[in-house]
PDB file of all heavy atoms in Angstrom:
ATOM      1  N   ASN A   1     102.662 124.147 124.436  1.00  0.00           N
ATOM      2  CA  ASN A   1     102.547 124.637 123.067  1.00  0.00           C
ATOM      3  C   ASN A   1     101.544 125.779 122.986  1.00  0.00           C
ATOM      4  O   ASN A   1     101.775 126.772 122.292  1.00  0.00           O
ATOM      5  CB  ASN A   1     102.131 123.503 122.129  1.00  0.00           C
ATOM      6  CG  ASN A   1     103.312 122.801 121.492  1.00  0.00           C
ATOM      7  OD1 ASN A   1     103.726 123.121 120.386  1.00  0.00           O
ATOM      8  ND2 ASN A   1     103.878 121.828 122.217  1.00  0.00           N
ATOM      9  N   MET A   2     100.435 125.630 123.683  1.00  0.00           N
ATOM     10  CA  MET A   2      99.414 126.678 123.675  1.00  0.00           C
ATOM     11  C   MET A   2      99.842 127.899 124.490  1.00  0.00           C
ATOM     12  O   MET A   2      99.483 129.036 124.169  1.00  0.00           O
ATOM     13  CB  MET A   2      98.104 126.111 124.224  1.00  0.00           C
ATOM     14  CG  MET A   2      97.448 125.058 123.347  1.00  0.00           C
ATOM     15  SD  MET A   2      96.790 125.736 121.800  1.00  0.00           S
ATOM     16  CE  MET A   2      95.364 126.624 122.410  1.00  0.00           C
ATOM     17  N   LEU A   3     100.621 127.657 125.546  1.00  0.00           N
ATOM     18  CA  LEU A   3     101.054 128.775 126.396  1.00  0.00           C
ATOM     19  C   LEU A   3     102.083 129.665 125.701  1.00  0.00           C
ATOM     20  O   LEU A   3     102.195 130.856 126.036  1.00  0.00           O
ATOM     21  CB  LEU A   3     101.654 128.245 127.698  1.00  0.00           C
ATOM     22  CG  LEU A   3     100.670 127.820 128.781  1.00  0.00           C
ATOM     23  CD1 LEU A   3     101.416 127.154 129.936  1.00  0.00           C
ATOM     24  CD2 LEU A   3      99.857 129.017 129.282  1.00  0.00           C
ATOM     25  N   TYR A   4     102.821 129.109 124.754  1.00  0.00           N
ATOM     26  CA  TYR A   4     103.903 129.879 124.127  1.00  0.00           C
ATOM     27  C   TYR A   4     103.417 131.213 123.574  1.00  0.00           C
ATOM     28  O   TYR A   4     103.960 132.269 123.934  1.00  0.00           O
ATOM     29  CB  TYR A   4     104.578 129.030 123.050  1.00  0.00           C
ATOM     30  CG  TYR A   4     105.798 129.686 122.450  1.00  0.00           C
ATOM     31  CD1 TYR A   4     107.040 129.571 123.063  1.00  0.00           C
ATOM     32  CD2 TYR A   4     105.710 130.432 121.281  1.00  0.00           C
ATOM     33  CE1 TYR A   4     108.163 130.186 122.527  1.00  0.00           C
ATOM     34  CE2 TYR A   4     106.821 131.049 120.738  1.00  0.00           C
ATOM     35  CZ  TYR A   4     108.044 130.920 121.360  1.00  0.00           C
ATOM     36  OH  TYR A   4     109.153 131.535 120.825  1.00  0.00           O
ATOM     37  N   PRO A   5     102.413 131.262 122.685  1.00  0.00           N
ATOM     38  CA  PRO A   5     101.969 132.568 122.187  1.00  0.00           C
ATOM     39  C   PRO A   5     101.245 133.392 123.239  1.00  0.00           C
ATOM     40  O   PRO A   5     101.311 134.633 123.219  1.00  0.00           O
ATOM     41  CB  PRO A   5     101.037 132.208 121.022  1.00  0.00           C
ATOM     42  CG  PRO A   5     100.565 130.832 121.326  1.00  0.00           C
ATOM     43  CD  PRO A   5     101.702 130.149 122.029  1.00  0.00           C
ATOM     44  N   LEU A   6     100.557 132.726 124.171  1.00  0.00           N
ATOM     45  CA  LEU A   6      99.845 133.474 125.210  1.00  0.00           C
ATOM     46  C   LEU A   6     100.823 134.200 126.122  1.00  0.00           C
ATOM     47  O   LEU A   6     100.612 135.373 126.469  1.00  0.00           O
ATOM     48  CB  LEU A   6      98.972 132.520 126.028  1.00  0.00           C
ATOM     49  CG  LEU A   6      97.730 131.961 125.318  1.00  0.00           C
ATOM     50  CD1 LEU A   6      97.055 130.903 126.186  1.00  0.00           C
ATOM     51  CD2 LEU A   6      96.748 133.072 124.969  1.00  0.00           C
ATOM     52  N   ASN A   7     101.896 133.538 126.517  1.00  0.00           N
ATOM     53  CA  ASN A   7     102.898 134.186 127.367  1.00  0.00           C
ATOM     54  C   ASN A   7     103.599 135.322 126.638  1.00  0.00           C
ATOM     55  O   ASN A   7     103.995 136.320 127.245  1.00  0.00           O
ATOM     56  CB  ASN A   7     103.932 133.159 127.837  1.00  0.00           C
ATOM     57  CG  ASN A   7     103.367 132.187 128.850  1.00  0.00           C
ATOM     58  OD1 ASN A   7     102.385 132.493 129.531  1.00  0.00           O
ATOM     59  ND2 ASN A   7     103.967 131.012 128.943  1.00  0.00           N
ATOM     60  N   TYR A   8     103.748 135.161 125.333  1.00  0.00           N
ATOM     61  CA  TYR A   8     104.447 136.173 124.544  1.00  0.00           C
ATOM     62  C   TYR A   8     103.607 137.442 124.373  1.00  0.00           C
ATOM     63  O   TYR A   8     104.137 138.549 124.449  1.00  0.00           O
ATOM     64  CB  TYR A   8     104.792 135.598 123.166  1.00  0.00           C
ATOM     65  CG  TYR A   8     105.663 136.499 122.318  1.00  0.00           C
ATOM     66  CD1 TYR A   8     107.038 136.533 122.503  1.00  0.00           C
ATOM     67  CD2 TYR A   8     105.110 137.323 121.346  1.00  0.00           C
ATOM     68  CE1 TYR A   8     107.843 137.358 121.737  1.00  0.00           C
ATOM     69  CE2 TYR A   8     105.902 138.155 120.568  1.00  0.00           C
ATOM     70  CZ  TYR A   8     107.267 138.157 120.760  1.00  0.00           C
ATOM     71  OH  TYR A   8     108.055 138.988 120.008  1.00  0.00           O
ATOM     72  N   HIS A   9     102.310 137.267 124.162  1.00  0.00           N
ATOM     73  CA  HIS A   9     101.476 138.415 123.800  1.00  0.00           C
ATOM     74  C   HIS A   9     100.659 138.986 124.964  1.00  0.00           C
ATOM     75  O   HIS A   9     100.196 140.119 124.883  1.00  0.00           O
ATOM     76  CB  HIS A   9     100.510 138.027 122.675  1.00  0.00           C
ATOM     77  CG  HIS A   9     101.170 137.875 121.339  1.00  0.00           C
ATOM     78  ND1 HIS A   9     101.577 138.947 120.573  1.00  0.00           N
ATOM     79  CD2 HIS A   9     101.491 136.761 120.624  1.00  0.00           C
ATOM     80  CE1 HIS A   9     102.114 138.514 119.445  1.00  0.00           C
ATOM     81  NE2 HIS A   9     102.085 137.197 119.450  1.00  0.00           N
ATOM     82  N   TYR A  10     100.451 138.205 126.032  1.00  0.00           N
ATOM     83  CA  TYR A  10      99.536 138.654 127.073  1.00  0.00           C
ATOM     84  C   TYR A  10     100.157 138.536 128.457  1.00  0.00           C
ATOM     85  O   TYR A  10     101.015 137.689 128.703  1.00  0.00           O
ATOM     86  CB  TYR A  10      98.252 137.809 127.069  1.00  0.00           C
ATOM     87  CG  TYR A  10      97.422 137.916 125.816  1.00  0.00           C
ATOM     88  CD1 TYR A  10      97.385 136.858 124.905  1.00  0.00           C
ATOM     89  CD2 TYR A  10      96.658 139.045 125.536  1.00  0.00           C
ATOM     90  CE1 TYR A  10      96.616 136.930 123.753  1.00  0.00           C
ATOM     91  CE2 TYR A  10      95.895 139.135 124.403  1.00  0.00           C
ATOM     92  CZ  TYR A  10      95.875 138.069 123.509  1.00  0.00           C
ATOM     93  OH  TYR A  10      95.116 138.147 122.375  1.00  0.00           O
ATOM     94  N   LYS A  11      99.665 139.372 129.338  1.00  0.00           N
ATOM     95  CA  LYS A  11      99.937 139.226 130.763  1.00  0.00           C
ATOM     96  C   LYS A  11      98.609 138.874 131.412  1.00  0.00           C
ATOM     97  O   LYS A  11      97.783 139.743 131.713  1.00  0.00           O
ATOM     98  CB  LYS A  11     100.508 140.518 131.347  1.00  0.00           C
ATOM     99  CG  LYS A  11     101.906 140.848 130.853  1.00  0.00           C
ATOM    100  CD  LYS A  11     102.461 142.099 131.521  1.00  0.00           C
ATOM    101  CE  LYS A  11     103.889 142.388 131.047  1.00  0.00           C
ATOM    102  NZ  LYS A  11     104.449 143.617 131.675  1.00  0.00           N
ATOM    103  N   GLN A  12      98.393 137.585 131.598  1.00  0.00           N
ATOM    104  CA  GLN A  12      97.142 137.081 132.152  1.00  0.00           C
ATOM    105  C   GLN A  12      97.442 136.122 133.290  1.00  0.00           C
ATOM    106  O   GLN A  12      98.541 135.590 133.397  1.00  0.00           O
ATOM    107  CB  GLN A  12      96.324 136.341 131.069  1.00  0.00           C
ATOM    108  CG  GLN A  12      95.863 137.223 129.929  1.00  0.00           C
ATOM    109  CD  GLN A  12      95.137 136.418 128.852  1.00  0.00           C
ATOM    110  OE1 GLN A  12      95.614 135.378 128.410  1.00  0.00           O
ATOM    111  NE2 GLN A  12      93.969 136.896 128.434  1.00  0.00           N
ATOM    112  N   SER A  13      96.436 135.890 134.108  1.00  0.00           N
ATOM    113  CA  SER A  13      96.593 134.910 135.187  1.00  0.00           C
ATOM    114  C   SER A  13      96.613 133.508 134.583  1.00  0.00           C
ATOM    115  O   SER A  13      96.185 133.295 133.443  1.00  0.00           O
ATOM    116  CB  SER A  13      95.431 135.035 136.174  1.00  0.00           C
ATOM    117  OG  SER A  13      94.222 134.620 135.555  1.00  0.00           O
ATOM    118  N   GLU A  14      97.104 132.569 135.344  1.00  0.00           N
ATOM    119  CA  GLU A  14      97.151 131.188 134.881  1.00  0.00           C
ATOM    120  C   GLU A  14      95.754 130.661 134.571  1.00  0.00           C
ATOM    121  O   GLU A  14      95.561 129.913 133.610  1.00  0.00           O
ATOM    122  CB  GLU A  14      97.846 130.308 135.914  1.00  0.00           C
ATOM    123  CG  GLU A  14      99.345 130.550 136.034  1.00  0.00           C
ATOM    124  CD  GLU A  14     100.071 130.354 134.700  1.00  0.00           C
ATOM    125  OE1 GLU A  14      99.860 129.302 134.061  1.00  0.00           O
ATOM    126  OE2 GLU A  14     100.831 131.252 134.311  1.00  0.00           O
ATOM    127  N   SER A  15      94.779 131.042 135.388  1.00  0.00           N
ATOM    128  CA  SER A  15      93.408 130.564 135.157  1.00  0.00           C
ATOM    129  C   SER A  15      92.846 131.158 133.865  1.00  0.00           C
ATOM    130  O   SER A  15      92.114 130.471 133.132  1.00  0.00           O
ATOM    131  CB  SER A  15      92.511 130.926 136.346  1.00  0.00           C
ATOM    132  OG  SER A  15      92.435 132.336 136.520  1.00  0.00           O
ATOM    133  N   GLU A  16      93.172 132.413 133.582  1.00  0.00           N
ATOM    134  CA  GLU A  16      92.704 133.034 132.332  1.00  0.00           C
ATOM    135  C   GLU A  16      93.326 132.353 131.118  1.00  0.00           C
ATOM    136  O   GLU A  16      92.656 132.111 130.106  1.00  0.00           O
ATOM    137  CB  GLU A  16      93.034 134.528 132.337  1.00  0.00           C
ATOM    138  CG  GLU A  16      92.178 135.351 133.275  1.00  0.00           C
ATOM    139  CD  GLU A  16      92.647 136.801 133.382  1.00  0.00           C
ATOM    140  OE1 GLU A  16      93.881 137.044 133.365  1.00  0.00           O
ATOM    141  OE2 GLU A  16      91.781 137.693 133.485  1.00  0.00           O
ATOM    142  N   LYS A  17      94.615 132.044 131.226  1.00  0.00           N
ATOM    143  CA  LYS A  17      95.287 131.352 130.124  1.00  0.00           C
ATOM    144  C   LYS A  17      94.699 129.961 129.916  1.00  0.00           C
ATOM    145  O   LYS A  17      94.461 129.545 128.775  1.00  0.00           O
ATOM    146  CB  LYS A  17      96.791 131.258 130.406  1.00  0.00           C
ATOM    147  CG  LYS A  17      97.523 132.584 130.355  1.00  0.00           C
ATOM    148  CD  LYS A  17      98.983 132.414 130.766  1.00  0.00           C
ATOM    149  CE  LYS A  17      99.687 133.752 130.843  1.00  0.00           C
ATOM    150  NZ  LYS A  17     101.085 133.616 131.350  1.00  0.00           N
ATOM    151  N   LEU A  18      94.463 129.236 130.998  1.00  0.00           N
ATOM    152  CA  LEU A  18      93.916 127.893 130.889  1.00  0.00           C
ATOM    153  C   LEU A  18      92.517 127.931 130.279  1.00  0.00           C
ATOM    154  O   LEU A  18      92.167 127.069 129.461  1.00  0.00           O
ATOM    155  CB  LEU A  18      93.878 127.230 132.260  1.00  0.00           C
ATOM    156  CG  LEU A  18      93.406 125.771 132.281  1.00  0.00           C
ATOM    157  CD1 LEU A  18      94.312 124.898 131.413  1.00  0.00           C
ATOM    158  CD2 LEU A  18      93.377 125.250 133.719  1.00  0.00           C
ATOM    159  N   GLU A  19      91.744 128.927 130.665  1.00  0.00           N
ATOM    160  CA  GLU A  19      90.401 129.071 130.093  1.00  0.00           C
ATOM    161  C   GLU A  19      90.475 129.278 128.576  1.00  0.00           C
ATOM    162  O   GLU A  19      89.702 128.682 127.818  1.00  0.00           O
ATOM    163  CB  GLU A  19      89.682 130.250 130.756  1.00  0.00           C
ATOM    164  CG  GLU A  19      88.255 130.452 130.262  1.00  0.00           C
ATOM    165  CD  GLU A  19      87.562 131.619 130.946  1.00  0.00           C
ATOM    166  OE1 GLU A  19      88.137 132.178 131.912  1.00  0.00           O
ATOM    167  OE2 GLU A  19      86.454 131.979 130.526  1.00  0.00           O
ATOM    168  N   LYS A  20      91.423 130.092 128.141  1.00  0.00           N
ATOM    169  CA  LYS A  20      91.567 130.352 126.708  1.00  0.00           C
ATOM    170  C   LYS A  20      92.088 129.113 125.979  1.00  0.00           C
ATOM    171  O   LYS A  20      91.646 128.797 124.865  1.00  0.00           O
ATOM    172  CB  LYS A  20      92.500 131.548 126.485  1.00  0.00           C
ATOM    173  CG  LYS A  20      92.577 131.998 125.041  1.00  0.00           C
ATOM    174  CD  LYS A  20      93.269 133.345 124.916  1.00  0.00           C
ATOM    175  CE  LYS A  20      92.365 134.485 125.328  1.00  0.00           C
ATOM    176  NZ  LYS A  20      92.953 135.811 124.987  1.00  0.00           N
ATOM    177  N   ILE A  21      93.027 128.401 126.594  1.00  0.00           N
ATOM    178  CA  ILE A  21      93.543 127.162 126.000  1.00  0.00           C
ATOM    179  C   ILE A  21      92.405 126.168 125.784  1.00  0.00           C
ATOM    180  O   ILE A  21      92.241 125.615 124.692  1.00  0.00           O
ATOM    181  CB  ILE A  21      94.630 126.548 126.901  1.00  0.00           C
ATOM    182  CG1 ILE A  21      95.911 127.376 126.829  1.00  0.00           C
ATOM    183  CG2 ILE A  21      94.918 125.098 126.489  1.00  0.00           C
ATOM    184  CD1 ILE A  21      96.948 126.970 127.862  1.00  0.00           C
ATOM    185  N   ASN A  22      91.601 125.938 126.813  1.00  0.00           N
ATOM    186  CA  ASN A  22      90.500 124.985 126.700  1.00  0.00           C
ATOM    187  C   ASN A  22      89.474 125.434 125.664  1.00  0.00           C
ATOM    188  O   ASN A  22      88.930 124.608 124.919  1.00  0.00           O
ATOM    189  CB  ASN A  22      89.827 124.797 128.061  1.00  0.00           C
ATOM    190  CG  ASN A  22      90.700 124.036 129.040  1.00  0.00           C
ATOM    191  OD1 ASN A  22      91.566 123.273 128.634  1.00  0.00           O
ATOM    192  ND2 ASN A  22      90.476 124.243 130.328  1.00  0.00           N
ATOM    193  N   LYS A  23      89.229 126.742 125.607  1.00  0.00           N
ATOM    194  CA  LYS A  23      88.256 127.274 124.652  1.00  0.00           C
ATOM    195  C   LYS A  23      88.650 126.929 123.224  1.00  0.00           C
ATOM    196  O   LYS A  23      87.824 126.412 122.452  1.00  0.00           O
ATOM    197  CB  LYS A  23      88.163 128.801 124.809  1.00  0.00           C
ATOM    198  CG  LYS A  23      87.316 129.476 123.737  1.00  0.00           C
ATOM    199  CD  LYS A  23      87.331 130.998 123.889  1.00  0.00           C
ATOM    200  CE  LYS A  23      86.573 131.674 122.765  1.00  0.00           C
ATOM    201  NZ  LYS A  23      86.599 133.165 122.899  1.00  0.00           N
ATOM    202  N   TYR A  24      89.904 127.171 122.871  1.00  0.00           N
ATOM    203  CA  TYR A  24      90.299 126.973 121.472  1.00  0.00           C
ATOM    204  C   TYR A  24      90.597 125.512 121.151  1.00  0.00           C
ATOM    205  O   TYR A  24      90.423 125.093 120.001  1.00  0.00           O
ATOM    206  CB  TYR A  24      91.446 127.916 121.111  1.00  0.00           C
ATOM    207  CG  TYR A  24      90.917 129.322 120.942  1.00  0.00           C
ATOM    208  CD1 TYR A  24      91.089 130.277 121.942  1.00  0.00           C
ATOM    209  CD2 TYR A  24      90.185 129.670 119.823  1.00  0.00           C
ATOM    210  CE1 TYR A  24      90.552 131.544 121.821  1.00  0.00           C
ATOM    211  CE2 TYR A  24      89.656 130.935 119.687  1.00  0.00           C
ATOM    212  CZ  TYR A  24      89.832 131.878 120.682  1.00  0.00           C
ATOM    213  OH  TYR A  24      89.282 133.139 120.552  1.00  0.00           O
ATOM    214  N   LEU A  25      90.974 124.735 122.148  1.00  0.00           N
ATOM    215  CA  LEU A  25      91.076 123.295 121.908  1.00  0.00           C
ATOM    216  C   LEU A  25      89.697 122.702 121.641  1.00  0.00           C
ATOM    217  O   LEU A  25      89.548 121.799 120.819  1.00  0.00           O
ATOM    218  CB  LEU A  25      91.743 122.594 123.083  1.00  0.00           C
ATOM    219  CG  LEU A  25      93.246 122.841 123.258  1.00  0.00           C
ATOM    220  CD1 LEU A  25      93.758 122.155 124.516  1.00  0.00           C
ATOM    221  CD2 LEU A  25      94.039 122.378 122.039  1.00  0.00           C
ATOM    222  N   ARG A  26      88.688 123.224 122.319  1.00  0.00           N
ATOM    223  CA  ARG A  26      87.317 122.765 122.052  1.00  0.00           C
ATOM    224  C   ARG A  26      86.866 123.196 120.656  1.00  0.00           C
ATOM    225  O   ARG A  26      86.233 122.428 119.933  1.00  0.00           O
ATOM    226  CB  ARG A  26      86.360 123.309 123.111  1.00  0.00           C
ATOM    227  CG  ARG A  26      86.458 122.617 124.462  1.00  0.00           C
ATOM    228  CD  ARG A  26      85.313 123.030 125.383  1.00  0.00           C
ATOM    229  NE  ARG A  26      85.339 122.282 126.629  1.00  0.00           N
ATOM    230  CZ  ARG A  26      85.882 122.709 127.757  1.00  0.00           C
ATOM    231  NH1 ARG A  26      86.452 123.909 127.801  1.00  0.00           N
ATOM    232  NH2 ARG A  26      85.871 121.962 128.845  1.00  0.00           N
ATOM    233  N   ILE A  27      87.189 124.426 120.290  1.00  0.00           N
ATOM    234  CA  ILE A  27      86.767 124.942 118.985  1.00  0.00           C
ATOM    235  C   ILE A  27      87.310 124.086 117.850  1.00  0.00           C
ATOM    236  O   ILE A  27      86.614 123.812 116.869  1.00  0.00           O
ATOM    237  CB  ILE A  27      87.199 126.416 118.834  1.00  0.00           C
ATOM    238  CG1 ILE A  27      86.266 127.313 119.663  1.00  0.00           C
ATOM    239  CG2 ILE A  27      87.194 126.859 117.367  1.00  0.00           C
ATOM    240  CD1 ILE A  27      86.677 128.771 119.697  1.00  0.00           C
ATOM    241  N   VAL A  28      88.571 123.644 117.976  1.00  0.00           N
ATOM    242  CA  VAL A  28      89.158 122.833 116.894  1.00  0.00           C
ATOM    243  C   VAL A  28      88.855 121.342 117.058  1.00  0.00           C
ATOM    244  O   VAL A  28      89.320 120.518 116.268  1.00  0.00           O
ATOM    245  CB  VAL A  28      90.689 123.053 116.797  1.00  0.00           C
ATOM    246  CG1 VAL A  28      91.014 124.509 116.555  1.00  0.00           C
ATOM    247  CG2 VAL A  28      91.425 122.520 118.035  1.00  0.00           C
ATOM    248  N   GLY A  29      88.066 120.990 118.082  1.00  0.00           N
ATOM    249  CA  GLY A  29      87.653 119.611 118.266  1.00  0.00           C
ATOM    250  C   GLY A  29      88.710 118.713 118.865  1.00  0.00           C
ATOM    251  O   GLY A  29      88.603 117.482 118.785  1.00  0.00           O
ATOM    252  N   LEU A  30      89.705 119.297 119.508  1.00  0.00           N
ATOM    253  CA  LEU A  30      90.805 118.506 120.047  1.00  0.00           C
ATOM    254  C   LEU A  30      90.630 118.202 121.529  1.00  0.00           C
ATOM    255  O   LEU A  30      91.135 117.191 122.023  1.00  0.00           O
ATOM    256  CB  LEU A  30      92.125 119.253 119.822  1.00  0.00           C
ATOM    257  CG  LEU A  30      93.428 118.464 119.929  1.00  0.00           C
ATOM    258  CD1 LEU A  30      93.419 117.248 119.023  1.00  0.00           C
ATOM    259  CD2 LEU A  30      94.614 119.376 119.579  1.00  0.00           C
ATOM    260  N   TYR A  31      89.899 119.037 122.238  1.00  0.00           N
ATOM    261  CA  TYR A  31      89.788 118.893 123.689  1.00  0.00           C
ATOM    262  C   TYR A  31      89.192 117.543 124.077  1.00  0.00           C
ATOM    263  O   TYR A  31      89.724 116.829 124.926  1.00  0.00           O
ATOM    264  CB  TYR A  31      88.939 120.026 124.275  1.00  0.00           C
ATOM    265  CG  TYR A  31      88.867 120.013 125.779  1.00  0.00           C
ATOM    266  CD1 TYR A  31      89.852 120.638 126.538  1.00  0.00           C
ATOM    267  CD2 TYR A  31      87.820 119.379 126.449  1.00  0.00           C
ATOM    268  CE1 TYR A  31      89.802 120.628 127.928  1.00  0.00           C
ATOM    269  CE2 TYR A  31      87.765 119.360 127.825  1.00  0.00           C
ATOM    270  CZ  TYR A  31      88.754 119.987 128.560  1.00  0.00           C
ATOM    271  OH  TYR A  31      88.693 119.966 129.933  1.00  0.00           O
ATOM    272  N   ASP A  32      88.099 117.173 123.428  1.00  0.00           N
ATOM    273  CA  ASP A  32      87.447 115.900 123.774  1.00  0.00           C
ATOM    274  C   ASP A  32      88.306 114.708 123.369  1.00  0.00           C
ATOM    275  O   ASP A  32      88.266 113.657 124.022  1.00  0.00           O
ATOM    276  CB  ASP A  32      86.080 115.814 123.095  1.00  0.00           C
ATOM    277  CG  ASP A  32      85.063 116.760 123.722  1.00  0.00           C
ATOM    278  OD1 ASP A  32      85.281 117.161 124.885  1.00  0.00           O
ATOM    279  OD2 ASP A  32      84.078 117.108 123.053  1.00  0.00           O
ATOM    280  N   GLU A  33      89.078 114.853 122.304  1.00  0.00           N
ATOM    281  CA  GLU A  33      89.917 113.748 121.832  1.00  0.00           C
ATOM    282  C   GLU A  33      91.047 113.433 122.814  1.00  0.00           C
ATOM    283  O   GLU A  33      91.458 112.280 122.950  1.00  0.00           O
ATOM    284  CB  GLU A  33      90.494 114.070 120.459  1.00  0.00           C
ATOM    285  CG  GLU A  33      89.436 114.112 119.359  1.00  0.00           C
ATOM    286  CD  GLU A  33      90.022 114.420 118.001  1.00  0.00           C
ATOM    287  OE1 GLU A  33      91.248 114.270 117.820  1.00  0.00           O
ATOM    288  OE2 GLU A  33      89.249 114.819 117.107  1.00  0.00           O
ATOM    289  N   ILE A  34      91.554 114.468 123.478  1.00  0.00           N
ATOM    290  CA  ILE A  34      92.633 114.221 124.437  1.00  0.00           C
ATOM    291  C   ILE A  34      92.100 114.106 125.862  1.00  0.00           C
ATOM    292  O   ILE A  34      92.865 113.918 126.804  1.00  0.00           O
ATOM    293  CB  ILE A  34      93.706 115.334 124.372  1.00  0.00           C
ATOM    294  CG1 ILE A  34      93.115 116.690 124.743  1.00  0.00           C
ATOM    295  CG2 ILE A  34      94.337 115.386 122.990  1.00  0.00           C
ATOM    296  CD1 ILE A  34      94.137 117.796 124.865  1.00  0.00           C
ATOM    297  N   LYS A  35      90.763 114.256 125.983  1.00  0.00           N
ATOM    298  CA  LYS A  35      90.077 114.089 127.277  1.00  0.00           C
ATOM    299  C   LYS A  35      90.676 114.983 128.360  1.00  0.00           C
ATOM    300  O   LYS A  35      90.844 114.569 129.511  1.00  0.00           O
ATOM    301  CB  LYS A  35      90.090 112.624 127.697  1.00  0.00           C
ATOM    302  CG  LYS A  35      89.452 111.691 126.677  1.00  0.00           C
ATOM    303  CD  LYS A  35      89.385 110.271 127.183  1.00  0.00           C
ATOM    304  CE  LYS A  35      88.886 109.320 126.107  1.00  0.00           C
ATOM    305  NZ  LYS A  35      87.601 109.688 125.541  1.00  0.00           N
ATOM    306  N   GLY A  36      91.027 116.210 127.976  1.00  0.00           N
ATOM    307  CA  GLY A  36      91.522 117.179 128.934  1.00  0.00           C
ATOM    308  C   GLY A  36      92.929 116.947 129.417  1.00  0.00           C
ATOM    309  O   GLY A  36      93.388 117.630 130.334  1.00  0.00           O
TER     310      GLY A  36
END
């Protein structure tokens, strides 16, 4: 779900995408709830 807009708008490495996914899941308080 998170990769969908990233793949559409950016050409980034998988590690860069994962870093951004984790960043915004943390910002909305979801990362800790799903324990990664």
